[in-house]
C-alpha atoms as a PDB file:
ATOM      1  CA  MET A   1      49.681  51.167  62.654  1.00  0.00           C
ATOM      2  CA  ASN A   2      48.261  47.985  64.156  1.00  0.00           C
ATOM      3  CA  ALA A   3      50.244  46.387  66.976  1.00  0.00           C
ATOM      4  CA  THR A   4      50.980  42.714  66.373  1.00  0.00           C
ATOM      5  CA  ALA A   5      49.224  40.574  68.970  1.00  0.00           C
ATOM      6  CA  THR A   6      51.536  38.442  71.073  1.00  0.00           C
ATOM      7  CA  PRO A   7      50.767  34.782  70.325  1.00  0.00           C
ATOM      8  CA  THR A   8      49.310  32.779  73.194  1.00  0.00           C
ATOM      9  CA  LEU A   9      51.197  29.795  74.582  1.00  0.00           C
ATOM     10  CA  ARG A  10      48.638  27.515  72.937  1.00  0.00           C
ATOM     11  CA  GLU A  11      49.338  29.168  69.575  1.00  0.00           C
ATOM     12  CA  LEU A  12      53.079  28.851  70.125  1.00  0.00           C
ATOM     13  CA  TRP A  13      52.632  25.143  70.897  1.00  0.00           C
ATOM     14  CA  LEU A  14      50.463  24.533  67.796  1.00  0.00           C
ATOM     15  CA  ASN A  15      52.972  26.358  65.601  1.00  0.00           C
ATOM     16  CA  PHE A  16      55.887  24.429  67.137  1.00  0.00           C
ATOM     17  CA  ARG A  17      54.036  21.135  66.662  1.00  0.00           C
ATOM     18  CA  GLN A  18      53.343  21.864  62.983  1.00  0.00           C
ATOM     19  CA  GLN A  19      57.062  22.393  62.406  1.00  0.00           C
ATOM     20  CA  ASN A  20      58.259  19.603  64.742  1.00  0.00           C
ATOM     21  CA  PRO A  21      55.529  16.907  64.685  1.00  0.00           C
ATOM     22  CA  LYS A  22      57.757  14.208  66.204  1.00  0.00           C
ATOM     23  CA  THR A  23      59.060  16.221  69.164  1.00  0.00           C
ATOM     24  CA  ARG A  24      57.553  15.044  72.459  1.00  0.00           C
ATOM     25  CA  ILE A  25      55.701  17.615  74.532  1.00  0.00           C
ATOM     26  CA  ARG A  26      58.216  17.480  77.411  1.00  0.00           C
ATOM     27  CA  ASP A  27      61.073  18.360  75.026  1.00  0.00           C
ATOM     28  CA  ALA A  28      58.942  20.951  73.221  1.00  0.00           C
ATOM     29  CA  ALA A  29      58.180  22.680  76.519  1.00  0.00           C
ATOM     30  CA  GLY A  30      61.886  23.008  77.195  1.00  0.00           C
ATOM     31  CA  GLN A  31      62.469  24.577  73.785  1.00  0.00           C
ATOM     32  CA  LEU A  32      59.571  26.994  74.406  1.00  0.00           C
ATOM     33  CA  HIS A  33      61.058  27.850  77.849  1.00  0.00           C
ATOM     34  CA  VAL A  34      57.986  26.726  79.791  1.00  0.00           C
ATOM     35  CA  SER A  35      57.084  23.589  81.736  1.00  0.00           C
ATOM     36  CA  GLU A  36      55.052  20.719  80.298  1.00  0.00           C
ATOM     37  CA  GLY A  37      52.287  21.472  82.796  1.00  0.00           C
ATOM     38  CA  GLU A  38      52.029  25.038  81.515  1.00  0.00           C
ATOM     39  CA  LEU A  39      51.694  23.763  77.937  1.00  0.00           C
ATOM     40  CA  VAL A  40      48.871  21.414  78.931  1.00  0.00           C
ATOM     41  CA  ALA A  41      47.111  24.161  80.912  1.00  0.00           C
ATOM     42  CA  ALA A  42      47.369  26.493  77.902  1.00  0.00           C
ATOM     43  CA  CYS A  43      45.084  24.094  76.008  1.00  0.00           C
ATOM     44  CA  THR A  44      42.316  24.248  78.640  1.00  0.00           C
ATOM     45  CA  GLY A  45      38.882  24.229  76.994  1.00  0.00           C
ATOM     46  CA  GLN A  46      37.376  21.505  74.840  1.00  0.00           C
ATOM     47  CA  THR A  47      40.407  19.225  75.061  1.00  0.00           C
ATOM     48  CA  VAL A  48      41.788  19.876  78.557  1.00  0.00           C
ATOM     49  CA  LYS A  49      39.998  20.262  81.880  1.00  0.00           C
ATOM     50  CA  HIS A  50      41.543  21.151  85.234  1.00  0.00           C
ATOM     51  CA  LEU A  51      40.816  18.595  87.945  1.00  0.00           C
ATOM     52  CA  LYS A  52      40.114  19.276  91.601  1.00  0.00           C
ATOM     53  CA  ASN A  53      43.078  19.021  93.936  1.00  0.00           C
ATOM     54  CA  GLU A  54      41.623  15.849  95.477  1.00  0.00           C
ATOM     55  CA  PHE A  55      44.254  13.419  94.279  1.00  0.00           C
ATOM     56  CA  PRO A  56      43.913  10.611  96.884  1.00  0.00           C
ATOM     57  CA  ALA A  57      40.170  10.381  96.107  1.00  0.00           C
ATOM     58  CA  LEU A  58      40.931  10.502  92.365  1.00  0.00           C
ATOM     59  CA  MET A  59      43.277   7.527  92.705  1.00  0.00           C
ATOM     60  CA  GLN A  60      40.627   5.644  94.688  1.00  0.00           C
ATOM     61  CA  ALA A  61      38.337   6.048  91.649  1.00  0.00           C
ATOM     62  CA  MET A  62      40.782   4.433  89.205  1.00  0.00           C
ATOM     63  CA  PRO A  63      39.663   0.769  89.511  1.00  0.00           C
ATOM     64  CA  ALA A  64      36.325   1.668  87.886  1.00  0.00           C
ATOM     65  CA  LEU A  65      38.132   2.519  84.644  1.00  0.00           C
ATOM     66  CA  GLY A  66      39.232  -1.055  83.982  1.00  0.00           C
ATOM     67  CA  LYS A  67      42.417  -1.547  81.977  1.00  0.00           C
ATOM     68  CA  VAL A  68      44.557   1.567  81.517  1.00  0.00           C
ATOM     69  CA  MET A  69      48.192   2.436  80.839  1.00  0.00           C
ATOM     70  CA  VAL A  70      50.156   4.174  83.603  1.00  0.00           C
ATOM     71  CA  LEU A  71      53.269   6.168  82.661  1.00  0.00           C
ATOM     72  CA  THR A  72      55.932   7.543  85.007  1.00  0.00           C
ATOM     73  CA  ARG A  73      59.148   9.196  83.918  1.00  0.00           C
ATOM     74  CA  ASN A  74      62.190  11.108  85.007  1.00  0.00           C
ATOM     75  CA  GLU A  75      64.742  12.957  82.931  1.00  0.00           C
ATOM     76  CA  HIS A  76      66.276   9.817  81.426  1.00  0.00           C
ATOM     77  CA  CYS A  77      63.792   6.961  81.741  1.00  0.00           C
ATOM     78  CA  VAL A  78      60.129   6.205  81.004  1.00  0.00           C
ATOM     79  CA  ILE A  79      58.157   3.250  82.388  1.00  0.00           C
ATOM     80  CA  GLU A  80      54.715   2.307  80.999  1.00  0.00           C
ATOM     81  CA  ARG A  81      52.567  -0.461  82.486  1.00  0.00           C
ATOM     82  CA  LYS A  82      49.133  -1.574  81.281  1.00  0.00           C
ATOM     83  CA  GLY A  83      46.656  -3.188  83.641  1.00  0.00           C
ATOM     84  CA  VAL A  84      43.968  -2.550  86.224  1.00  0.00           C
ATOM     85  CA  PHE A  85      44.177  -0.723  89.547  1.00  0.00           C
ATOM     86  CA  GLU A  86      43.602  -3.157  92.409  1.00  0.00           C
ATOM     87  CA  ILE A  87      44.472  -2.405  96.074  1.00  0.00           C
ATOM     88  CA  ILE A  88      44.735   1.340  96.749  1.00  0.00           C
ATOM     89  CA  ASN A  89      45.747   2.835 100.099  1.00  0.00           C
ATOM     90  CA  THR A  90      45.764   6.619 100.512  1.00  0.00           C
ATOM     91  CA  GLU A  91      45.541   6.815 104.316  1.00  0.00           C
ATOM     92  CA  ASN A  92      49.254   7.292 105.003  1.00  0.00           C
ATOM     93  CA  LYS A  93      50.025  11.021 105.003  1.00  0.00           C
ATOM     94  CA  HIS A  94      53.482  10.498 103.475  1.00  0.00           C
ATOM     95  CA  VAL A  95      52.950   7.912 100.735  1.00  0.00           C
ATOM     96  CA  GLY A  96      49.959   6.369  98.981  1.00  0.00           C
ATOM     97  CA  THR A  97      50.241   2.913  97.456  1.00  0.00           C
ATOM     98  CA  VAL A  98      48.708   1.010  94.590  1.00  0.00           C
ATOM     99  CA  LEU A  99      49.350  -2.730  94.822  1.00  0.00           C
ATOM    100  CA  GLY A 100      48.445  -5.386  92.301  1.00  0.00           C
ATOM    101  CA  LYS A 101      49.865  -7.732  89.716  1.00  0.00           C
ATOM    102  CA  ASP A 102      49.677  -5.024  87.034  1.00  0.00           C
ATOM    103  CA  ILE A 103      49.820  -1.529  88.518  1.00  0.00           C
ATOM    104  CA  ASP A 104      52.251  -0.938  91.398  1.00  0.00           C
ATOM    105  CA  LEU A 105      52.835   2.662  92.541  1.00  0.00           C
ATOM    106  CA  ARG A 106      54.262   4.664  95.469  1.00  0.00           C
ATOM    107  CA  MET A 107      52.586   8.089  95.369  1.00  0.00           C
ATOM    108  CA  PHE A 108      53.946  11.127  97.226  1.00  0.00           C
ATOM    109  CA  PHE A 109      50.874  13.349  97.214  1.00  0.00           C
ATOM    110  CA  SER A 110      52.637  16.351  98.777  1.00  0.00           C
ATOM    111  CA  ARG A 111      54.325  16.771  95.375  1.00  0.00           C
ATOM    112  CA  TRP A 112      51.090  16.603  93.349  1.00  0.00           C
ATOM    113  CA  LYS A 113      49.957  20.143  92.504  1.00  0.00           C
ATOM    114  CA  SER A 114      48.002  20.223  89.208  1.00  0.00           C
ATOM    115  CA  GLY A 115      45.806  17.636  87.543  1.00  0.00           C
ATOM    116  CA  PHE A 116      44.158  17.566  84.116  1.00  0.00           C
ATOM    117  CA  ALA A 117      41.731  15.389  82.195  1.00  0.00           C
ATOM    118  CA  VAL A 118      42.856  15.380  78.575  1.00  0.00           C
ATOM    119  CA  ASP A 119      40.843  14.254  75.531  1.00  0.00           C
ATOM    120  CA  THR A 120      42.253  12.919  72.294  1.00  0.00           C
ATOM    121  CA  ASP A 121      43.085  15.776  69.920  1.00  0.00           C
ATOM    122  CA  ASP A 122      45.383  15.008  66.993  1.00  0.00           C
ATOM    123  CA  THR A 123      45.880  18.697  66.176  1.00  0.00           C
ATOM    124  CA  ILE A 124      47.305  19.433  69.613  1.00  0.00           C
ATOM    125  CA  GLY A 125      48.896  15.993  69.843  1.00  0.00           C
ATOM    126  CA  PHE A 126      47.060  14.811  72.982  1.00  0.00           C
ATOM    127  CA  LYS A 127      45.645  11.382  73.838  1.00  0.00           C
ATOM    128  CA  ARG A 128      42.867  10.635  76.314  1.00  0.00           C
ATOM    129  CA  SER A 129      44.539  10.694  79.714  1.00  0.00           C
ATOM    130  CA  ILE A 130      44.628  11.942  83.283  1.00  0.00           C
ATOM    131  CA  GLN A 131      47.845  13.865  83.877  1.00  0.00           C
ATOM    132  CA  ILE A 132      49.341  15.023  87.181  1.00  0.00           C
ATOM    133  CA  PHE A 133      52.100  17.647  87.535  1.00  0.00           C
ATOM    134  CA  ASP A 134      54.237  18.916  90.404  1.00  0.00           C
ATOM    135  CA  ALA A 135      54.790  22.507  91.528  1.00  0.00           C
ATOM    136  CA  GLN A 136      57.461  22.957  88.841  1.00  0.00           C
ATOM    137  CA  GLY A 137      55.087  21.803  86.093  1.00  0.00           C
ATOM    138  CA  ASN A 138      56.915  18.486  85.649  1.00  0.00           C
ATOM    139  CA  ALA A 139      54.814  15.401  84.936  1.00  0.00           C
ATOM    140  CA  VAL A 140      54.437  13.163  87.991  1.00  0.00           C
ATOM    141  CA  VAL A 141      52.218  10.428  86.516  1.00  0.00           C
ATOM    142  CA  LYS A 142      49.940   9.977  83.499  1.00  0.00           C
ATOM    143  CA  ILE A 143      47.091   7.487  83.166  1.00  0.00           C
ATOM    144  CA  TYR A 144      46.041   6.780  79.569  1.00  0.00           C
ATOM    145  CA  ALA A 145      42.866   5.195  78.258  1.00  0.00           C
ATOM    146  CA  VAL A 146      43.423   2.063  76.172  1.00  0.00           C
ATOM    147  CA  GLU A 147      41.066   0.053  73.976  1.00  0.00           C
ATOM    148  CA  GLN A 148      39.715  -1.941  76.947  1.00  0.00           C
ATOM    149  CA  THR A 149      39.119   1.115  79.196  1.00  0.00           C
ATOM    150  CA  ASP A 150      35.495   1.614  80.321  1.00  0.00           C
ATOM    151  CA  SER A 151      34.600   4.826  78.484  1.00  0.00           C
ATOM    152  CA  ALA A 152      31.436   5.545  80.475  1.00  0.00           C
ATOM    153  CA  ALA A 153      33.308   5.124  83.766  1.00  0.00           C
ATOM    154  CA  TRP A 154      36.060   7.437  82.473  1.00  0.00           C
ATOM    155  CA  GLU A 155      33.514  10.165  81.665  1.00  0.00           C
ATOM    156  CA  LYS A 156      31.910   9.750  85.083  1.00  0.00           C
ATOM    157  CA  VAL A 157      35.242  10.097  86.939  1.00  0.00           C
ATOM    158  CA  VAL A 158      36.221  13.159  84.885  1.00  0.00           C
ATOM    159  CA  ALA A 159      32.836  14.787  85.535  1.00  0.00           C
ATOM    160  CA  GLU A 160      33.117  14.094  89.272  1.00  0.00           C
ATOM    161  CA  PHE A 161      36.602  15.572  89.596  1.00  0.00           C
ATOM    162  CA  THR A 162      36.459  18.500  87.125  1.00  0.00           C
ATOM    163  CA  ALA A 163      37.356  21.737  88.926  1.00  0.00           C
ATOM    164  CA  THR A 164      35.072  24.771  89.004  1.00  0.00           C
ATOM    165  CA  GLU A 165      37.795  27.175  87.838  1.00  0.00           C
ATOM    166  CA  GLN A 166      39.307  26.495  84.400  1.00  0.00           C
ATOM    167  CA  PRO A 167      42.201  28.952  83.820  1.00  0.00           C
ATOM    168  CA  VAL A 168      44.586  28.626  80.873  1.00  0.00           C
ATOM    169  CA  THR A 169      47.607  28.996  83.149  1.00  0.00           C
ATOM    170  CA  ILE A 170      49.099  27.340  86.218  1.00  0.00           C
ATOM    171  CA  ALA A 171      51.528  28.891  88.684  1.00  0.00           C
ATOM    172  CA  VAL A 172      54.926  27.202  88.717  1.00  0.00           C
ATOM    173  CA  ALA A 173      57.499  27.448  91.492  1.00  0.00           C
ATOM    174  CA  PRO A 174      61.292  27.139  91.412  1.00  0.00           C
ATOM    175  CA  ALA A 175      62.649  23.676  92.157  1.00  0.00           C
ATOM    176  CA  PRO A 176      63.170  23.087  95.882  1.00  0.00           C
ATOM    177  CA  ALA A 177      66.727  23.338  97.154  1.00  0.00           C
ATOM    178  CA  VAL A 178      68.647  20.065  97.115  1.00  0.00           C
ATOM    179  CA  ALA A 179      69.094  18.704 100.635  1.00  0.00           C
ATOM    180  CA  ALA A 180      72.625  19.262 101.898  1.00  0.00           C
ATOM    181  CA  ASN A 181      74.613  16.084 102.394  1.00  0.00           C
ATOM    182  CA  ASN A 182      77.431  15.234 104.732  1.00  0.00           C
ATOM    183  CA  ASP A 183      79.375  12.915 102.418  1.00  0.00           C
ATOM    184  CA  LYS A 184      82.821  14.233 103.311  1.00  0.00           C
ATOM    185  CA  GLU A 185      82.287  14.441 107.086  1.00  0.00           C
ATOM    186  CA  VAL A 186      80.148  11.338 107.699  1.00  0.00           C
ATOM    187  CA  ASP A 187      81.340   8.780 110.263  1.00  0.00           C
ATOM    188  CA  LYS A 188      81.976   5.960 107.800  1.00  0.00           C
ATOM    189  CA  ALA A 189      82.280   3.232 110.438  1.00  0.00           C
ATOM    190  CA  ALA A 190      79.008   4.227 112.132  1.00  0.00           C
ATOM    191  CA  PHE A 191      77.240   4.497 108.785  1.00  0.00           C
ATOM    192  CA  LEU A 192      78.365   1.042 107.632  1.00  0.00           C
ATOM    193  CA  GLU A 193      77.467  -0.415 111.023  1.00  0.00           C
ATOM    194  CA  ASP A 194      73.920   0.917 110.631  1.00  0.00           C
ATOM    195  CA  TRP A 195      73.817  -0.410 107.048  1.00  0.00           C
ATOM    196  CA  ALA A 196      74.821  -3.867 108.289  1.00  0.00           C
ATOM    197  CA  ALA A 197      71.953  -3.749 110.810  1.00  0.00           C
ATOM    198  CA  LEU A 198      69.217  -3.076 108.204  1.00  0.00           C
ATOM    199  CA  GLN A 199      66.160  -5.315 108.515  1.00  0.00           C
ATOM    200  CA  ASP A 200      64.160  -3.977 105.559  1.00  0.00           C
ATOM    201  CA  THR A 201      65.157  -2.392 102.239  1.00  0.00           C
ATOM    202  CA  HIS A 202      62.635   0.396 102.941  1.00  0.00           C
ATOM    203  CA  ASP A 203      64.845   1.474 105.857  1.00  0.00           C
ATOM    204  CA  PHE A 204      67.674   2.445 103.507  1.00  0.00           C
ATOM    205  CA  PHE A 205      66.347   5.922 102.706  1.00  0.00           C
ATOM    206  CA  PRO A 206      65.881   6.792 106.416  1.00  0.00           C
ATOM    207  CA  LEU A 207      69.465   5.563 106.910  1.00  0.00           C
ATOM    208  CA  LEU A 208      70.690   8.084 104.324  1.00  0.00           C
ATOM    209  CA  MET A 209      68.671  10.843 106.014  1.00  0.00           C
ATOM    210  CA  LYS A 210      70.014   9.954 109.465  1.00  0.00           C
ATOM    211  CA  HIS A 211      73.636  10.268 108.306  1.00  0.00           C
ATOM    212  CA  LYS A 212      72.959  13.109 105.829  1.00  0.00           C
ATOM    213  CA  VAL A 213      74.680  11.209 103.071  1.00  0.00           C
ATOM    214  CA  SER A 214      73.793  11.169  99.359  1.00  0.00           C
ATOM    215  CA  ARG A 215      72.897   7.880  97.748  1.00  0.00           C
ATOM    216  CA  THR A 216      75.949   7.798  95.485  1.00  0.00           C
ATOM    217  CA  GLY A 217      78.141   8.934  98.407  1.00  0.00           C
ATOM    218  CA  ALA A 218      76.780   6.006 100.419  1.00  0.00           C
ATOM    219  CA  LEU A 219      77.591   3.542  97.634  1.00  0.00           C
ATOM    220  CA  GLU A 220      81.120   4.894  97.350  1.00  0.00           C
ATOM    221  CA  MET A 221      81.629   4.484 101.114  1.00  0.00           C
ATOM    222  CA  ALA A 222      80.283   0.934 101.009  1.00  0.00           C
ATOM    223  CA  GLU A 223      82.331  -0.098  97.967  1.00  0.00           C
ATOM    224  CA  GLY A 224      83.850  -3.519  98.528  1.00  0.00           C
ATOM    225  CA  LYS A 225      81.509  -4.270 101.435  1.00  0.00           C
ATOM    226  CA  PHE A 226      77.918  -3.689 100.279  1.00  0.00           C
ATOM    227  CA  SER A 227      78.404  -2.167  96.821  1.00  0.00           C
ATOM    228  CA  ARG A 228      80.344  -2.806  93.641  1.00  0.00           C
ATOM    229  CA  ARG A 229      80.801  -0.365  90.768  1.00  0.00           C
ATOM    230  CA  VAL A 230      79.974  -1.925  87.396  1.00  0.00           C
ATOM    231  CA  ASN A 231      80.144  -0.730  83.798  1.00  0.00           C
ATOM    232  CA  GLN A 232      77.513   1.285  81.967  1.00  0.00           C
ATOM    233  CA  GLU A 233      76.528  -1.644  79.733  1.00  0.00           C
ATOM    234  CA  CYS A 234      75.088  -3.578  82.684  1.00  0.00           C
ATOM    235  CA  VAL A 235      71.456  -2.513  82.153  1.00  0.00           C
ATOM    236  CA  LYS A 236      71.630  -3.893  78.607  1.00  0.00           C
ATOM    237  CA  THR A 237      73.294  -7.089  79.860  1.00  0.00           C
ATOM    238  CA  LEU A 238      70.725  -7.531  82.626  1.00  0.00           C
ATOM    239  CA  LEU A 239      67.692  -7.013  80.394  1.00  0.00           C
ATOM    240  CA  ASN A 240      68.993  -9.237  77.616  1.00  0.00           C
ATOM    241  CA  LYS A 241      69.892 -12.063  80.006  1.00  0.00           C
ATOM    242  CA  ALA A 242      66.556 -11.797  81.830  1.00  0.00           C
ATOM    243  CA  ALA A 243      64.755 -11.963  78.478  1.00  0.00           C
ATOM    244  CA  ALA A 244      66.807 -14.938  77.335  1.00  0.00           C
ATOM    245  CA  THR A 245      66.254 -16.957  80.534  1.00  0.00           C
ATOM    246  CA  GLY A 246      62.705 -15.885  81.466  1.00  0.00           C
ATOM    247  CA  LEU A 247      63.955 -14.587  84.836  1.00  0.00           C
ATOM    248  CA  GLU A 248      61.305 -12.397  86.474  1.00  0.00           C
ATOM    249  CA  ILE A 249      62.619  -9.042  87.642  1.00  0.00           C
ATOM    250  CA  MET A 250      61.424  -5.842  89.301  1.00  0.00           C
ATOM    251  CA  VAL A 251      62.044  -2.467  87.636  1.00  0.00           C
ATOM    252  CA  PHE A 252      61.626   0.738  89.664  1.00  0.00           C
ATOM    253  CA  VAL A 253      61.440   4.107  87.860  1.00  0.00           C
ATOM    254  CA  GLY A 254      60.436   7.286  89.643  1.00  0.00           C
ATOM    255  CA  ASN A 255      60.497  11.013  90.158  1.00  0.00           C
ATOM    256  CA  PRO A 256      59.937  13.035  93.363  1.00  0.00           C
ATOM    257  CA  GLY A 257      56.149  12.549  93.120  1.00  0.00           C
ATOM    258  CA  ASN A 258      55.729   8.917  92.068  1.00  0.00           C
ATOM    259  CA  ILE A 259      57.526   5.589  91.737  1.00  0.00           C
ATOM    260  CA  GLU A 260      56.204   2.970  89.311  1.00  0.00           C
ATOM    261  CA  ILE A 261      57.226  -0.680  89.541  1.00  0.00           C
ATOM    262  CA  HIS A 262      57.087  -3.508  87.006  1.00  0.00           C
ATOM    263  CA  THR A 263      57.295  -7.055  88.349  1.00  0.00           C
ATOM    264  CA  GLY A 264      57.534  -9.952  85.945  1.00  0.00           C
ATOM    265  CA  PRO A 265      59.405 -11.142  82.872  1.00  0.00           C
ATOM    266  CA  VAL A 266      60.790  -8.997  80.059  1.00  0.00           C
ATOM    267  CA  GLN A 267      60.720 -10.352  76.531  1.00  0.00           C
ATOM    268  CA  LYS A 268      61.256  -8.012  73.605  1.00  0.00           C
ATOM    269  CA  ILE A 269      64.448  -5.982  74.125  1.00  0.00           C
ATOM    270  CA  LEU A 270      65.185  -3.343  71.492  1.00  0.00           C
ATOM    271  CA  GLU A 271      68.464  -1.443  71.382  1.00  0.00           C
ATOM    272  CA  ILE A 272      68.764   1.772  69.369  1.00  0.00           C
ATOM    273  CA  PRO A 273      71.593   4.319  69.577  1.00  0.00           C
ATOM    274  CA  ASP A 274      71.739   5.729  73.141  1.00  0.00           C
ATOM    275  CA  TRP A 275      68.613   3.839  74.290  1.00  0.00           C
ATOM    276  CA  ILE A 276      67.655   0.417  75.640  1.00  0.00           C
ATOM    277  CA  ASN A 277      63.948  -0.425  75.385  1.00  0.00           C
ATOM    278  CA  VAL A 278      61.577  -3.130  76.563  1.00  0.00           C
ATOM    279  CA  MET A 279      58.668  -3.351  74.100  1.00  0.00           C
ATOM    280  CA  ASP A 280      56.350  -5.973  75.591  1.00  0.00           C
ATOM    281  CA  GLU A 281      52.580  -5.979  75.163  1.00  0.00           C
ATOM    282  CA  ASP A 282      51.765  -4.659  78.644  1.00  0.00           C
ATOM    283  CA  PHE A 283      55.171  -3.288  79.719  1.00  0.00           C
ATOM    284  CA  ASN A 284      57.399  -0.726  78.022  1.00  0.00           C
ATOM    285  CA  LEU A 285      60.660   0.750  79.312  1.00  0.00           C
ATOM    286  CA  HIS A 286      62.761   3.414  77.581  1.00  0.00           C
ATOM    287  CA  LEU A 287      66.112   4.128  79.266  1.00  0.00           C
ATOM    288  CA  LYS A 288      68.660   6.585  77.893  1.00  0.00           C
ATOM    289  CA  THR A 289      71.907   4.666  78.213  1.00  0.00           C
ATOM    290  CA  ASN A 290      74.204   7.580  77.403  1.00  0.00           C
ATOM    291  CA  ALA A 291      72.824   9.385  80.477  1.00  0.00           C
ATOM    292  CA  ILE A 292      74.168   6.685  82.818  1.00  0.00           C
ATOM    293  CA  ALA A 293      77.149   8.100  84.722  1.00  0.00           C
ATOM    294  CA  GLN A 294      77.348   5.510  87.520  1.00  0.00           C
ATOM    295  CA  SER A 295      76.154   1.899  87.829  1.00  0.00           C
ATOM    296  CA  TRP A 296      76.296  -0.096  91.066  1.00  0.00           C
ATOM    297  CA  VAL A 297      75.395  -3.574  92.229  1.00  0.00           C
ATOM    298  CA  VAL A 298      74.157  -3.025  95.786  1.00  0.00           C
ATOM    299  CA  GLN A 299      73.476  -5.412  98.658  1.00  0.00           C
ATOM    300  CA  LYS A 300      71.142  -4.543 101.525  1.00  0.00           C
ATOM    301  CA  PRO A 301      70.605  -6.839 104.523  1.00  0.00           C
ATOM    302  CA  SER A 302      67.013  -7.646 105.426  1.00  0.00           C
ATOM    303  CA  ALA A 303      65.060  -9.987 107.683  1.00  0.00           C
ATOM    304  CA  ASP A 304      64.752 -12.246 104.594  1.00  0.00           C
ATOM    305  CA  GLY A 305      68.479 -12.235 103.800  1.00  0.00           C
ATOM    306  CA  ILE A 306      70.536 -10.117 101.415  1.00  0.00           C
ATOM    307  CA  VAL A 307      68.592  -8.160  98.778  1.00  0.00           C
ATOM    308  CA  THR A 308      70.609  -7.324  95.656  1.00  0.00           C
ATOM    309  CA  SER A 309      69.919  -4.517  93.189  1.00  0.00           C
ATOM    310  CA  LEU A 310      71.407  -2.830  90.154  1.00  0.00           C
ATOM    311  CA  GLU A 311      71.134   0.952  90.522  1.00  0.00           C
ATOM    312  CA  VAL A 312      72.001   3.453  87.779  1.00  0.00           C
ATOM    313  CA  PHE A 313      72.531   7.192  88.218  1.00  0.00           C
ATOM    314  CA  ASP A 314      73.011  10.252  86.024  1.00  0.00           C
ATOM    315  CA  ALA A 315      75.870  12.768  86.208  1.00  0.00           C
ATOM    316  CA  ALA A 316      74.056  14.759  88.916  1.00  0.00           C
ATOM    317  CA  GLY A 317      73.765  11.675  91.128  1.00  0.00           C
ATOM    318  CA  GLU A 318      70.013  11.327  90.485  1.00  0.00           C
ATOM    319  CA  MET A 319      68.742   7.763  90.255  1.00  0.00           C
ATOM    320  CA  ILE A 320      67.552   6.772  86.780  1.00  0.00           C
ATOM    321  CA  ALA A 321      66.299   3.266  87.613  1.00  0.00           C
ATOM    322  CA  GLN A 322      66.657   0.329  90.011  1.00  0.00           C
ATOM    323  CA  PHE A 323      66.454  -3.377  89.170  1.00  0.00           C
ATOM    324  CA  PHE A 324      65.785  -6.288  91.558  1.00  0.00           C
ATOM    325  CA  GLY A 325      64.874  -9.922  91.215  1.00  0.00           C
ATOM    326  CA  LYS A 326      61.159 -10.655  91.663  1.00  0.00           C
ATOM    327  CA  ARG A 327      60.577 -11.014  95.406  1.00  0.00           C
ATOM    328  CA  LYS A 328      57.794 -10.699  97.954  1.00  0.00           C
ATOM    329  CA  PRO A 329      58.385  -9.720 101.611  1.00  0.00           C
ATOM    330  CA  GLY A 330      58.992 -12.837 103.677  1.00  0.00           C
ATOM    331  CA  ASN A 331      60.797 -14.621 100.838  1.00  0.00           C
ATOM    332  CA  PRO A 332      64.531 -14.689 100.073  1.00  0.00           C
ATOM    333  CA  GLU A 333      65.587 -13.308  96.702  1.00  0.00           C
ATOM    334  CA  LEU A 334      65.843 -15.643  93.722  1.00  0.00           C
ATOM    335  CA  GLN A 335      69.171 -17.451  93.414  1.00  0.00           C
ATOM    336  CA  ASP A 336      69.065 -16.991  89.619  1.00  0.00           C
ATOM    337  CA  TRP A 337      68.806 -13.235  90.140  1.00  0.00           C
ATOM    338  CA  ARG A 338      71.694 -13.232  92.601  1.00  0.00           C
ATOM    339  CA  ALA A 339      73.795 -15.211  90.122  1.00  0.00           C
ATOM    340  CA  LEU A 340      72.963 -12.775  87.297  1.00  0.00           C
ATOM    341  CA  ALA A 341      73.871  -9.773  89.460  1.00  0.00           C
ATOM    342  CA  ALA A 342      77.172 -11.450  90.417  1.00  0.00           C
ATOM    343  CA  GLU A 343      78.043 -11.761  86.713  1.00  0.00           C
ATOM    344  CA  LEU A 344      77.624  -8.039  86.015  1.00  0.00           C
END
């Protein structure tokens, strides 16, 4: 009696895809009880190549590719921005930056564990891309080729960074423990005093770390002083009003390994059940509105005056997205943005 061979993960994925052609790979991985990174690794061969773990150098090579599409997502939101890589800084050991009018990223390389070059393969459902995953096999950032991408430069970068070893598996680790917070014991007066003394919005995260307070706990403590709870429809209201008036905004979407930022107008807003979408030519946003558990309008002092944001969180207190008015350091925020935020 012949023993039935256990199907490989690649075979399981192909079979699943035949039966569920519209299911996205991230959701398929969950149904197959593996991570997305493991599914990609399982297709190593003609279509998928492991890349060397030299991610800062890889990012420095991106300008040669010309126009690309960069995608970053978390559990409830996807941001996609087309453009060219411009100013790249990977010298800081904590965070790398990409700055430019199109592509704007904050990269936390300590979270980047596996990288792949992927070729277009309709059978497997892959498109030409460079994909980075964290230690849990979750996607950190994906860079897709578009029509204007320099194909020869793409091939050259992939050849330069292809790893020697090409296994069909990756090791995945359990998610790191969530940092303990001090929300119930924090000295509220001292915390709010430090908040009032902020000189830069980038100092807000260190402020939370200093007082061991969660972000949503901080907003609750500051309610009525620096924060105001608003309803769950506010993202829709904000995007629709910005589109109607031409107001330029900033949209921040991230995960533990990468934050991607859009700065500029939004134009084509599409609402479907449970989702709000921006469907512009070079900027797409897909935000799952029924995942929003808390929405806050937040004010942070800075050397340039008050900086106002809309921040939305899921039921676990994880940030889904942040919205600001378009602003450069050294300039006060737009009055039209402040007025819109006040209306929410």
